[in-house]
Amino acid sequence: MPHSLIIGSGAALGAGARYLLTIALGDGMLPLLILNIVGSALMGYTRPGPFWGTGFLGGFTSFAGFAFFTADSHWSIALAYVAATLVGCTAAYLAGDKLR
Protein backbone atom coordinates (compact mmCIF):
# COMPACT_ATOMS: atom_id res chain seq x y z
CA MET A 1 0.00 0.00 0.00
CA PRO A 2 1.41 3.44 -0.87
CA HIS A 3 2.77 5.46 2.05
CA SER A 4 0.45 8.39 1.31
CA LEU A 5 -2.60 6.13 1.36
CA ILE A 6 -1.58 4.70 4.74
CA ILE A 7 -1.15 8.16 6.25
CA GLY A 8 -4.28 9.52 4.56
CA SER A 9 -6.39 6.64 5.87
CA GLY A 10 -5.13 7.23 9.39
CA ALA A 11 -5.75 10.98 9.10
CA ALA A 12 -9.33 10.40 7.96
CA LEU A 13 -10.00 8.13 10.93
CA GLY A 14 -8.33 10.55 13.35
CA ALA A 15 -10.32 13.51 12.03
CA GLY A 16 -13.50 11.45 12.35
CA ALA A 17 -12.66 10.59 15.96
CA ARG A 18 -11.95 14.26 16.70
CA TYR A 19 -15.28 15.24 15.13
CA LEU A 20 -17.19 12.74 17.27
CA LEU A 21 -15.42 13.87 20.44
CA THR A 22 -16.07 17.51 19.52
CA ILE A 23 -19.78 16.69 19.31
CA ALA A 24 -19.58 15.05 22.75
CA LEU A 25 -17.37 17.71 24.41
CA GLY A 26 -18.66 20.75 22.57
CA ASP A 27 -16.96 23.11 20.20
CA GLY A 28 -14.51 25.71 21.40
CA MET A 29 -11.05 26.44 22.66
CA LEU A 30 -11.09 24.21 25.75
CA PRO A 31 -12.27 20.99 24.05
CA LEU A 32 -9.68 21.49 21.30
CA LEU A 33 -6.96 22.08 23.89
CA ILE A 34 -7.95 18.86 25.65
CA LEU A 35 -7.91 16.90 22.37
CA ASN A 36 -4.50 18.29 21.41
CA ILE A 37 -3.09 17.45 24.86
CA VAL A 38 -4.51 13.91 24.72
CA GLY A 39 -3.09 13.45 21.22
CA SER A 40 0.33 14.66 22.37
CA ALA A 41 0.28 12.28 25.35
CA LEU A 42 -0.63 9.36 23.08
CA MET A 43 2.14 10.33 20.69
CA GLY A 44 4.70 10.30 23.51
CA TYR A 45 3.40 7.09 25.05
CA THR A 46 2.99 5.00 21.92
CA ARG A 47 5.65 6.45 19.60
CA PRO A 48 3.51 5.34 16.69
CA GLY A 49 4.42 4.70 13.09
CA PRO A 50 3.06 6.50 10.02
CA PHE A 51 -0.55 5.25 10.19
CA TRP A 52 -1.14 5.98 13.89
CA GLY A 53 1.29 8.87 14.33
CA THR A 54 1.36 11.09 11.30
CA GLY A 55 -2.01 9.77 10.14
CA PHE A 56 -4.43 9.11 13.00
CA LEU A 57 -2.96 11.38 15.68
CA GLY A 58 -2.16 14.03 13.08
CA GLY A 59 -5.83 14.02 12.09
CA PHE A 60 -7.00 13.74 15.69
CA THR A 61 -5.15 16.87 16.79
CA SER A 62 -5.81 20.16 15.04
CA PHE A 63 -3.31 22.89 14.33
CA ALA A 64 -5.83 24.55 12.01
CA GLY A 65 -8.35 24.84 14.84
CA PHE A 66 -5.64 26.14 17.14
CA ALA A 67 -4.70 28.79 14.56
CA PHE A 68 -8.35 29.74 14.02
CA PHE A 69 -9.02 30.23 17.73
CA THR A 70 -5.87 32.28 18.30
CA ALA A 71 -6.45 34.47 15.24
CA ASP A 72 -10.08 35.11 16.17
CA SER A 73 -9.45 36.00 19.85
CA HIS A 74 -8.38 39.06 21.79
CA TRP A 75 -4.57 39.15 22.00
CA SER A 76 -4.53 38.34 25.74
CA ILE A 77 -6.76 35.29 25.30
CA ALA A 78 -4.76 34.18 22.26
CA LEU A 79 -1.50 34.52 24.18
CA ALA A 80 -2.87 32.47 27.09
CA TYR A 81 -4.17 29.83 24.66
CA VAL A 82 -0.83 29.59 22.86
CA ALA A 83 0.99 29.24 26.20
CA ALA A 84 -1.48 26.62 27.46
CA THR A 85 -1.14 24.67 24.22
CA LEU A 86 2.66 24.79 24.13
CA VAL A 87 3.10 23.91 27.80
CA GLY A 88 0.23 21.40 27.90
CA CYS A 89 1.14 19.51 24.73
CA THR A 90 4.87 19.44 25.49
CA ALA A 91 4.27 18.27 29.07
CA ALA A 92 1.76 15.66 27.87
CA TYR A 93 4.20 14.29 25.29
CA LEU A 94 7.01 14.10 27.84
CA ALA A 95 4.73 12.50 30.44
CA GLY A 96 3.55 9.93 27.89
CA ASP A 97 7.16 9.19 26.94
CA LYS A 98 8.13 8.86 30.61
CA LEU A 99 5.25 6.45 31.33
CA ARG A 100 6.32 4.21 28.49
PDB file of N, CA and C in Angstrom:
ATOM      1  N   MET A   1       0.853  -1.178   0.000  1.00  0.00           N
ATOM      2  CA  MET A   1       0.000   0.000   0.000  1.00  0.00           C
ATOM      3  C   MET A   1       0.895   1.237   0.000  1.00  0.00           C
ATOM      4  N   PRO A   2       0.593   2.233  -0.830  1.00  0.00           N
ATOM      5  CA  PRO A   2       1.411   3.444  -0.870  1.00  0.00           C
ATOM      6  C   PRO A   2       1.415   4.183   0.473  1.00  0.00           C
ATOM      7  N   HIS A   3       2.568   4.743   0.779  1.00  0.00           N
ATOM      8  CA  HIS A   3       2.766   5.460   2.046  1.00  0.00           C
ATOM      9  C   HIS A   3       1.722   6.563   2.241  1.00  0.00           C
ATOM     10  N   SER A   4       1.430   7.299   1.195  1.00  0.00           N
ATOM     11  CA  SER A   4       0.455   8.393   1.309  1.00  0.00           C
ATOM     12  C   SER A   4      -0.952   7.879   1.599  1.00  0.00           C
ATOM     13  N   LEU A   5      -1.291   6.710   1.090  1.00  0.00           N
ATOM     14  CA  LEU A   5      -2.604   6.126   1.360  1.00  0.00           C
ATOM     15  C   LEU A   5      -2.700   5.653   2.806  1.00  0.00           C
ATOM     16  N   ILE A   6      -1.617   5.134   3.334  1.00  0.00           N
ATOM     17  CA  ILE A   6      -1.576   4.703   4.735  1.00  0.00           C
ATOM     18  C   ILE A   6      -1.780   5.903   5.653  1.00  0.00           C
ATOM     19  N   ILE A   7      -1.040   6.959   5.417  1.00  0.00           N
ATOM     20  CA  ILE A   7      -1.147   8.164   6.250  1.00  0.00           C
ATOM     21  C   ILE A   7      -2.513   8.827   6.062  1.00  0.00           C
ATOM     22  N   GLY A   8      -2.977   8.911   4.834  1.00  0.00           N
ATOM     23  CA  GLY A   8      -4.277   9.520   4.560  1.00  0.00           C
ATOM     24  C   GLY A   8      -5.422   8.766   5.209  1.00  0.00           C
ATOM     25  N   SER A   9      -5.357   7.441   5.215  1.00  0.00           N
ATOM     26  CA  SER A   9      -6.390   6.637   5.871  1.00  0.00           C
ATOM     27  C   SER A   9      -6.392   6.899   7.373  1.00  0.00           C
ATOM     28  N   GLY A  10      -5.222   6.934   7.957  1.00  0.00           N
ATOM     29  CA  GLY A  10      -5.129   7.226   9.391  1.00  0.00           C
ATOM     30  C   GLY A  10      -5.639   8.616   9.716  1.00  0.00           C
ATOM     31  N   ALA A  11      -5.309   9.600   8.869  1.00  0.00           N
ATOM     32  CA  ALA A  11      -5.755  10.978   9.100  1.00  0.00           C
ATOM     33  C   ALA A  11      -7.272  11.085   9.011  1.00  0.00           C
ATOM     34  N   ALA A  12      -7.872  10.373   8.080  1.00  0.00           N
ATOM     35  CA  ALA A  12      -9.330  10.397   7.956  1.00  0.00           C
ATOM     36  C   ALA A  12      -9.986   9.816   9.201  1.00  0.00           C
ATOM     37  N   LEU A  13      -9.451   8.726   9.707  1.00  0.00           N
ATOM     38  CA  LEU A  13      -9.997   8.127  10.934  1.00  0.00           C
ATOM     39  C   LEU A  13      -9.778   9.031  12.139  1.00  0.00           C
ATOM     40  N   GLY A  14      -8.615   9.642  12.233  1.00  0.00           N
ATOM     41  CA  GLY A  14      -8.326  10.550  13.346  1.00  0.00           C
ATOM     42  C   GLY A  14      -9.216  11.782  13.327  1.00  0.00           C
ATOM     43  N   ALA A  15      -9.431  12.347  12.146  1.00  0.00           N
ATOM     44  CA  ALA A  15     -10.316  13.508  12.032  1.00  0.00           C
ATOM     45  C   ALA A  15     -11.751  13.127  12.375  1.00  0.00           C
ATOM     46  N   GLY A  16     -12.158  11.929  11.993  1.00  0.00           N
ATOM     47  CA  GLY A  16     -13.495  11.450  12.350  1.00  0.00           C
ATOM     48  C   GLY A  16     -13.648  11.287  13.856  1.00  0.00           C
ATOM     49  N   ALA A  17     -12.625  10.741  14.495  1.00  0.00           N
ATOM     50  CA  ALA A  17     -12.655  10.592  15.958  1.00  0.00           C
ATOM     51  C   ALA A  17     -12.706  11.956  16.634  1.00  0.00           C
ATOM     52  N   ARG A  18     -11.924  12.910  16.132  1.00  0.00           N
ATOM     53  CA  ARG A  18     -11.951  14.265  16.698  1.00  0.00           C
ATOM     54  C   ARG A  18     -13.324  14.891  16.535  1.00  0.00           C
ATOM     55  N   TYR A  19     -13.940  14.692  15.385  1.00  0.00           N
ATOM     56  CA  TYR A  19     -15.276  15.236  15.133  1.00  0.00           C
ATOM     57  C   TYR A  19     -16.285  14.662  16.132  1.00  0.00           C
ATOM     58  N   LEU A  20     -16.256  13.362  16.333  1.00  0.00           N
ATOM     59  CA  LEU A  20     -17.191  12.735  17.270  1.00  0.00           C
ATOM     60  C   LEU A  20     -16.958  13.221  18.700  1.00  0.00           C
ATOM     61  N   LEU A  21     -15.709  13.364  19.097  1.00  0.00           N
ATOM     62  CA  LEU A  21     -15.422  13.870  20.437  1.00  0.00           C
ATOM     63  C   LEU A  21     -15.787  15.344  20.569  1.00  0.00           C
ATOM     64  N   THR A  22     -15.659  16.099  19.490  1.00  0.00           N
ATOM     65  CA  THR A  22     -16.072  17.506  19.520  1.00  0.00           C
ATOM     66  C   THR A  22     -17.577  17.613  19.707  1.00  0.00           C
ATOM     67  N   ILE A  23     -18.325  16.713  19.102  1.00  0.00           N
ATOM     68  CA  ILE A  23     -19.776  16.687  19.315  1.00  0.00           C
ATOM     69  C   ILE A  23     -20.069  16.384  20.784  1.00  0.00           C
ATOM     70  N   ALA A  24     -19.339  15.437  21.360  1.00  0.00           N
ATOM     71  CA  ALA A  24     -19.575  15.050  22.754  1.00  0.00           C
ATOM     72  C   ALA A  24     -19.106  16.124  23.742  1.00  0.00           C
ATOM     73  N   LEU A  25     -17.944  16.736  23.470  1.00  0.00           N
ATOM     74  CA  LEU A  25     -17.365  17.710  24.405  1.00  0.00           C
ATOM     75  C   LEU A  25     -17.833  19.137  24.146  1.00  0.00           C
ATOM     76  N   GLY A  26     -18.295  19.400  22.959  1.00  0.00           N
ATOM     77  CA  GLY A  26     -18.662  20.755  22.571  1.00  0.00           C
ATOM     78  C   GLY A  26     -17.554  21.377  21.737  1.00  0.00           C
ATOM     79  N   ASP A  27     -17.916  22.434  21.056  1.00  0.00           N
ATOM     80  CA  ASP A  27     -16.959  23.113  20.195  1.00  0.00           C
ATOM     81  C   ASP A  27     -16.374  24.298  20.946  1.00  0.00           C
ATOM     82  N   GLY A  28     -15.126  24.562  20.755  1.00  0.00           N
ATOM     83  CA  GLY A  28     -14.512  25.714  21.396  1.00  0.00           C
ATOM     84  C   GLY A  28     -13.051  25.480  21.706  1.00  0.00           C
ATOM     85  N   MET A  29     -12.486  26.465  22.367  1.00  0.00           N
ATOM     86  CA  MET A  29     -11.054  26.439  22.663  1.00  0.00           C
ATOM     87  C   MET A  29     -10.683  25.332  23.653  1.00  0.00           C
ATOM     88  N   LEU A  30     -11.432  25.192  24.727  1.00  0.00           N
ATOM     89  CA  LEU A  30     -11.088  24.214  25.754  1.00  0.00           C
ATOM     90  C   LEU A  30     -11.172  22.777  25.247  1.00  0.00           C
ATOM     91  N   PRO A  31     -12.250  22.358  24.575  1.00  0.00           N
ATOM     92  CA  PRO A  31     -12.267  20.995  24.050  1.00  0.00           C
ATOM     93  C   PRO A  31     -11.120  20.714  23.079  1.00  0.00           C
ATOM     94  N   LEU A  32     -10.789  21.694  22.226  1.00  0.00           N
ATOM     95  CA  LEU A  32      -9.679  21.489  21.300  1.00  0.00           C
ATOM     96  C   LEU A  32      -8.355  21.376  22.044  1.00  0.00           C
ATOM     97  N   LEU A  33      -8.174  22.179  23.073  1.00  0.00           N
ATOM     98  CA  LEU A  33      -6.956  22.085  23.885  1.00  0.00           C
ATOM     99  C   LEU A  33      -6.851  20.699  24.516  1.00  0.00           C
ATOM    100  N   ILE A  34      -7.948  20.192  25.042  1.00  0.00           N
ATOM    101  CA  ILE A  34      -7.951  18.860  25.648  1.00  0.00           C
ATOM    102  C   ILE A  34      -7.600  17.802  24.610  1.00  0.00           C
ATOM    103  N   LEU A  35      -8.209  17.871  23.426  1.00  0.00           N
ATOM    104  CA  LEU A  35      -7.913  16.897  22.373  1.00  0.00           C
ATOM    105  C   LEU A  35      -6.455  16.964  21.940  1.00  0.00           C
ATOM    106  N   ASN A  36      -5.906  18.156  21.807  1.00  0.00           N
ATOM    107  CA  ASN A  36      -4.502  18.292  21.414  1.00  0.00           C
ATOM    108  C   ASN A  36      -3.567  17.750  22.501  1.00  0.00           C
ATOM    109  N   ILE A  37      -3.912  17.970  23.761  1.00  0.00           N
ATOM    110  CA  ILE A  37      -3.085  17.449  24.858  1.00  0.00           C
ATOM    111  C   ILE A  37      -3.165  15.926  24.905  1.00  0.00           C
ATOM    112  N   VAL A  38      -4.359  15.369  24.745  1.00  0.00           N
ATOM    113  CA  VAL A  38      -4.509  13.905  24.724  1.00  0.00           C
ATOM    114  C   VAL A  38      -3.734  13.318  23.547  1.00  0.00           C
ATOM    115  N   GLY A  39      -3.839  13.934  22.383  1.00  0.00           N
ATOM    116  CA  GLY A  39      -3.091  13.454  21.216  1.00  0.00           C
ATOM    117  C   GLY A  39      -1.587  13.506  21.434  1.00  0.00           C
ATOM    118  N   SER A  40      -1.107  14.546  22.085  1.00  0.00           N
ATOM    119  CA  SER A  40       0.326  14.662  22.374  1.00  0.00           C
ATOM    120  C   SER A  40       0.773  13.584  23.360  1.00  0.00           C
ATOM    121  N   ALA A  41      -0.048  13.324  24.372  1.00  0.00           N
ATOM    122  CA  ALA A  41       0.284  12.277  25.345  1.00  0.00           C
ATOM    123  C   ALA A  41       0.331  10.907  24.674  1.00  0.00           C
ATOM    124  N   LEU A  42      -0.632  10.639  23.809  1.00  0.00           N
ATOM    125  CA  LEU A  42      -0.632   9.363  23.080  1.00  0.00           C
ATOM    126  C   LEU A  42       0.573   9.240  22.162  1.00  0.00           C
ATOM    127  N   MET A  43       0.966  10.343  21.554  1.00  0.00           N
ATOM    128  CA  MET A  43       2.143  10.329  20.687  1.00  0.00           C
ATOM    129  C   MET A  43       3.396   9.987  21.496  1.00  0.00           C
ATOM    130  N   GLY A  44       3.537  10.587  22.671  1.00  0.00           N
ATOM    131  CA  GLY A  44       4.695  10.302  23.507  1.00  0.00           C
ATOM    132  C   GLY A  44       4.678   8.893  24.064  1.00  0.00           C
ATOM    133  N   TYR A  45       3.501   8.419  24.440  1.00  0.00           N
ATOM    134  CA  TYR A  45       3.397   7.092  25.049  1.00  0.00           C
ATOM    135  C   TYR A  45       3.583   5.960  24.039  1.00  0.00           C
ATOM    136  N   THR A  46       2.970   6.106  22.881  1.00  0.00           N
ATOM    137  CA  THR A  46       2.987   4.998  21.924  1.00  0.00           C
ATOM    138  C   THR A  46       4.114   5.068  20.899  1.00  0.00           C
ATOM    139  N   ARG A  47       4.654   6.255  20.661  1.00  0.00           N
ATOM    140  CA  ARG A  47       5.653   6.449  19.604  1.00  0.00           C
ATOM    141  C   ARG A  47       5.240   5.714  18.331  1.00  0.00           C
ATOM    142  N   PRO A  48       4.098   6.099  17.793  1.00  0.00           N
ATOM    143  CA  PRO A  48       3.509   5.342  16.690  1.00  0.00           C
ATOM    144  C   PRO A  48       4.218   5.540  15.361  1.00  0.00           C
ATOM    145  N   GLY A  49       3.906   4.630  14.448  1.00  0.00           N
ATOM    146  CA  GLY A  49       4.420   4.704  13.091  1.00  0.00           C
ATOM    147  C   GLY A  49       3.573   5.639  12.243  1.00  0.00           C
ATOM    148  N   PRO A  50       3.737   5.563  10.919  1.00  0.00           N
ATOM    149  CA  PRO A  50       3.060   6.502  10.019  1.00  0.00           C
ATOM    150  C   PRO A  50       1.534   6.480  10.110  1.00  0.00           C
ATOM    151  N   PHE A  51       0.907   5.309  10.167  1.00  0.00           N
ATOM    152  CA  PHE A  51      -0.554   5.250  10.190  1.00  0.00           C
ATOM    153  C   PHE A  51      -1.108   5.880  11.458  1.00  0.00           C
ATOM    154  N   TRP A  52      -0.618   5.471  12.620  1.00  0.00           N
ATOM    155  CA  TRP A  52      -1.141   5.979  13.889  1.00  0.00           C
ATOM    156  C   TRP A  52      -0.586   7.345  14.247  1.00  0.00           C
ATOM    157  N   GLY A  53       0.669   7.602  13.939  1.00  0.00           N
ATOM    158  CA  GLY A  53       1.293   8.866  14.331  1.00  0.00           C
ATOM    159  C   GLY A  53       0.953  10.017  13.409  1.00  0.00           C
ATOM    160  N   THR A  54       1.592  10.027  12.262  1.00  0.00           N
ATOM    161  CA  THR A  54       1.359  11.093  11.298  1.00  0.00           C
ATOM    162  C   THR A  54      -0.086  11.085  10.825  1.00  0.00           C
ATOM    163  N   GLY A  55      -0.649   9.898  10.643  1.00  0.00           N
ATOM    164  CA  GLY A  55      -2.007   9.770  10.139  1.00  0.00           C
ATOM    165  C   GLY A  55      -3.058  10.030  11.201  1.00  0.00           C
ATOM    166  N   PHE A  56      -3.323   9.018  12.049  1.00  0.00           N
ATOM    167  CA  PHE A  56      -4.430   9.109  13.002  1.00  0.00           C
ATOM    168  C   PHE A  56      -4.259  10.261  13.988  1.00  0.00           C
ATOM    169  N   LEU A  57      -3.141  10.319  14.679  1.00  0.00           N
ATOM    170  CA  LEU A  57      -2.958  11.376  15.675  1.00  0.00           C
ATOM    171  C   LEU A  57      -2.776  12.743  15.024  1.00  0.00           C
ATOM    172  N   GLY A  58      -2.238  12.775  13.816  1.00  0.00           N
ATOM    173  CA  GLY A  58      -2.163  14.030  13.076  1.00  0.00           C
ATOM    174  C   GLY A  58      -3.544  14.551  12.703  1.00  0.00           C
ATOM    175  N   GLY A  59      -4.458  13.639  12.375  1.00  0.00           N
ATOM    176  CA  GLY A  59      -5.829  14.024  12.087  1.00  0.00           C
ATOM    177  C   GLY A  59      -6.637  14.281  13.342  1.00  0.00           C
ATOM    178  N   PHE A  60      -6.289  13.593  14.416  1.00  0.00           N
ATOM    179  CA  PHE A  60      -7.001  13.737  15.693  1.00  0.00           C
ATOM    180  C   PHE A  60      -6.737  15.102  16.317  1.00  0.00           C
ATOM    181  N   THR A  61      -5.494  15.541  16.277  1.00  0.00           N
ATOM    182  CA  THR A  61      -5.154  16.867  16.794  1.00  0.00           C
ATOM    183  C   THR A  61      -5.421  17.885  15.695  1.00  0.00           C
ATOM    184  N   SER A  62      -5.470  19.165  16.048  1.00  0.00           N
ATOM    185  CA  SER A  62      -5.814  20.158  15.036  1.00  0.00           C
ATOM    186  C   SER A  62      -5.009  21.432  15.212  1.00  0.00           C
ATOM    187  N   PHE A  63      -4.031  21.620  14.347  1.00  0.00           N
ATOM    188  CA  PHE A  63      -3.308  22.887  14.335  1.00  0.00           C
ATOM    189  C   PHE A  63      -4.153  23.965  13.667  1.00  0.00           C
ATOM    190  N   ALA A  64      -4.973  23.570  12.700  1.00  0.00           N
ATOM    191  CA  ALA A  64      -5.832  24.546  12.014  1.00  0.00           C
ATOM    192  C   ALA A  64      -6.830  25.158  12.993  1.00  0.00           C
ATOM    193  N   GLY A  65      -7.429  24.330  13.830  1.00  0.00           N
ATOM    194  CA  GLY A  65      -8.354  24.842  14.839  1.00  0.00           C
ATOM    195  C   GLY A  65      -7.649  25.744  15.834  1.00  0.00           C
ATOM    196  N   PHE A  66      -6.460  25.334  16.236  1.00  0.00           N
ATOM    197  CA  PHE A  66      -5.635  26.136  17.141  1.00  0.00           C
ATOM    198  C   PHE A  66      -5.364  27.506  16.524  1.00  0.00           C
ATOM    199  N   ALA A  67      -4.977  27.525  15.248  1.00  0.00           N
ATOM    200  CA  ALA A  67      -4.700  28.795  14.560  1.00  0.00           C
ATOM    201  C   ALA A  67      -5.962  29.645  14.435  1.00  0.00           C
ATOM    202  N   PHE A  68      -7.091  29.014  14.140  1.00  0.00           N
ATOM    203  CA  PHE A  68      -8.348  29.736  14.023  1.00  0.00           C
ATOM    204  C   PHE A  68      -8.714  30.416  15.344  1.00  0.00           C
ATOM    205  N   PHE A  69      -8.637  29.665  16.435  1.00  0.00           N
ATOM    206  CA  PHE A  69      -9.017  30.232  17.733  1.00  0.00           C
ATOM    207  C   PHE A  69      -8.077  31.351  18.169  1.00  0.00           C
ATOM    208  N   THR A  70      -6.796  31.212  17.897  1.00  0.00           N
ATOM    209  CA  THR A  70      -5.873  32.276  18.295  1.00  0.00           C
ATOM    210  C   THR A  70      -6.029  33.515  17.417  1.00  0.00           C
ATOM    211  N   ALA A  71      -6.292  33.324  16.139  1.00  0.00           N
ATOM    212  CA  ALA A  71      -6.447  34.470  15.237  1.00  0.00           C
ATOM    213  C   ALA A  71      -7.756  35.217  15.489  1.00  0.00           C
ATOM    214  N   ASP A  72      -8.750  34.521  15.998  1.00  0.00           N
ATOM    215  CA  ASP A  72     -10.076  35.108  16.172  1.00  0.00           C
ATOM    216  C   ASP A  72     -10.330  35.597  17.606  1.00  0.00           C
ATOM    217  N   SER A  73      -9.293  35.629  18.442  1.00  0.00           N
ATOM    218  CA  SER A  73      -9.455  36.000  19.848  1.00  0.00           C
ATOM    219  C   SER A  73      -8.722  37.299  20.163  1.00  0.00           C
ATOM    220  N   HIS A  74      -9.108  37.900  21.266  1.00  0.00           N
ATOM    221  CA  HIS A  74      -8.376  39.062  21.789  1.00  0.00           C
ATOM    222  C   HIS A  74      -6.940  38.615  22.045  1.00  0.00           C
ATOM    223  N   TRP A  75      -5.989  39.525  21.905  1.00  0.00           N
ATOM    224  CA  TRP A  75      -4.573  39.153  22.003  1.00  0.00           C
ATOM    225  C   TRP A  75      -4.242  38.490  23.344  1.00  0.00           C
ATOM    226  N   SER A  76      -4.854  38.916  24.422  1.00  0.00           N
ATOM    227  CA  SER A  76      -4.529  38.335  25.736  1.00  0.00           C
ATOM    228  C   SER A  76      -5.042  36.900  25.847  1.00  0.00           C
ATOM    229  N   ILE A  77      -6.218  36.651  25.299  1.00  0.00           N
ATOM    230  CA  ILE A  77      -6.761  35.285  25.299  1.00  0.00           C
ATOM    231  C   ILE A  77      -5.939  34.407  24.368  1.00  0.00           C
ATOM    232  N   ALA A  78      -5.581  34.943  23.205  1.00  0.00           N
ATOM    233  CA  ALA A  78      -4.763  34.184  22.257  1.00  0.00           C
ATOM    234  C   ALA A  78      -3.406  33.836  22.858  1.00  0.00           C
ATOM    235  N   LEU A  79      -2.794  34.781  23.549  1.00  0.00           N
ATOM    236  CA  LEU A  79      -1.499  34.523  24.185  1.00  0.00           C
ATOM    237  C   LEU A  79      -1.612  33.440  25.247  1.00  0.00           C
ATOM    238  N   ALA A  80      -2.658  33.495  26.061  1.00  0.00           N
ATOM    239  CA  ALA A  80      -2.872  32.472  27.091  1.00  0.00           C
ATOM    240  C   ALA A  80      -3.125  31.107  26.446  1.00  0.00           C
ATOM    241  N   TYR A  81      -3.868  31.095  25.348  1.00  0.00           N
ATOM    242  CA  TYR A  81      -4.166  29.835  24.665  1.00  0.00           C
ATOM    243  C   TYR A  81      -2.915  29.232  24.033  1.00  0.00           C
ATOM    244  N   VAL A  82      -2.092  30.074  23.438  1.00  0.00           N
ATOM    245  CA  VAL A  82      -0.828  29.590  22.864  1.00  0.00           C
ATOM    246  C   VAL A  82       0.061  29.018  23.969  1.00  0.00           C
ATOM    247  N   ALA A  83       0.166  29.728  25.080  1.00  0.00           N
ATOM    248  CA  ALA A  83       0.992  29.243  26.196  1.00  0.00           C
ATOM    249  C   ALA A  83       0.448  27.931  26.752  1.00  0.00           C
ATOM    250  N   ALA A  84      -0.877  27.852  26.935  1.00  0.00           N
ATOM    251  CA  ALA A  84      -1.484  26.622  27.457  1.00  0.00           C
ATOM    252  C   ALA A  84      -1.259  25.452  26.502  1.00  0.00           C
ATOM    253  N   THR A  85      -1.352  25.715  25.205  1.00  0.00           N
ATOM    254  CA  THR A  85      -1.143  24.666  24.216  1.00  0.00           C
ATOM    255  C   THR A  85       0.309  24.209  24.195  1.00  0.00           C
ATOM    256  N   LEU A  86       1.239  25.161  24.170  1.00  0.00           N
ATOM    257  CA  LEU A  86       2.659  24.786  24.134  1.00  0.00           C
ATOM    258  C   LEU A  86       3.076  24.030  25.385  1.00  0.00           C
ATOM    259  N   VAL A  87       2.719  24.555  26.538  1.00  0.00           N
ATOM    260  CA  VAL A  87       3.101  23.906  27.796  1.00  0.00           C
ATOM    261  C   VAL A  87       2.356  22.583  27.958  1.00  0.00           C
ATOM    262  N   GLY A  88       1.040  22.606  27.715  1.00  0.00           N
ATOM    263  CA  GLY A  88       0.230  21.403  27.896  1.00  0.00           C
ATOM    264  C   GLY A  88       0.632  20.269  26.974  1.00  0.00           C
ATOM    265  N   CYS A  89       0.800  20.558  25.702  1.00  0.00           N
ATOM    266  CA  CYS A  89       1.143  19.511  24.734  1.00  0.00           C
ATOM    267  C   CYS A  89       2.563  18.992  24.930  1.00  0.00           C
ATOM    268  N   THR A  90       3.488  19.874  25.233  1.00  0.00           N
ATOM    269  CA  THR A  90       4.868  19.436  25.487  1.00  0.00           C
ATOM    270  C   THR A  90       4.930  18.588  26.745  1.00  0.00           C
ATOM    271  N   ALA A  91       4.281  19.039  27.812  1.00  0.00           N
ATOM    272  CA  ALA A  91       4.271  18.274  29.065  1.00  0.00           C
ATOM    273  C   ALA A  91       3.573  16.930  28.876  1.00  0.00           C
ATOM    274  N   ALA A  92       2.482  16.909  28.113  1.00  0.00           N
ATOM    275  CA  ALA A  92       1.763  15.656  27.869  1.00  0.00           C
ATOM    276  C   ALA A  92       2.620  14.674  27.078  1.00  0.00           C
ATOM    277  N   TYR A  93       3.319  15.168  26.063  1.00  0.00           N
ATOM    278  CA  TYR A  93       4.202  14.294  25.290  1.00  0.00           C
ATOM    279  C   TYR A  93       5.296  13.712  26.184  1.00  0.00           C
ATOM    280  N   LEU A  94       5.928  14.571  26.968  1.00  0.00           N
ATOM    281  CA  LEU A  94       7.008  14.103  27.840  1.00  0.00           C
ATOM    282  C   LEU A  94       6.501  13.137  28.903  1.00  0.00           C
ATOM    283  N   ALA A  95       5.317  13.401  29.450  1.00  0.00           N
ATOM    284  CA  ALA A  95       4.731  12.497  30.439  1.00  0.00           C
ATOM    285  C   ALA A  95       4.404  11.145  29.800  1.00  0.00           C
ATOM    286  N   GLY A  96       3.833  11.180  28.599  1.00  0.00           N
ATOM    287  CA  GLY A  96       3.550   9.928  27.886  1.00  0.00           C
ATOM    288  C   GLY A  96       4.809   9.148  27.607  1.00  0.00           C
ATOM    289  N   ASP A  97       5.867   9.843  27.209  1.00  0.00           N
ATOM    290  CA  ASP A  97       7.156   9.195  26.943  1.00  0.00           C
ATOM    291  C   ASP A  97       7.738   8.611  28.225  1.00  0.00           C
ATOM    292  N   LYS A  98       7.593   9.320  29.329  1.00  0.00           N
ATOM    293  CA  LYS A  98       8.128   8.859  30.610  1.00  0.00           C
ATOM    294  C   LYS A  98       7.374   7.630  31.118  1.00  0.00           C
ATOM    295  N   LEU A  99       6.076   7.583  30.893  1.00  0.00           N
ATOM    296  CA  LEU A  99       5.254   6.451  31.334  1.00  0.00           C
ATOM    297  C   LEU A  99       5.508   5.200  30.529  1.00  0.00           C
ATOM    298  N   ARG A 100       6.068   5.344  29.392  1.00  0.00           N
ATOM    299  CA  ARG A 100       6.318   4.209  28.491  1.00  0.00           C
ATOM    300  C   ARG A 100       7.240   3.228  29.103  1.00  0.00           C
TER     301      ARG A 100
END
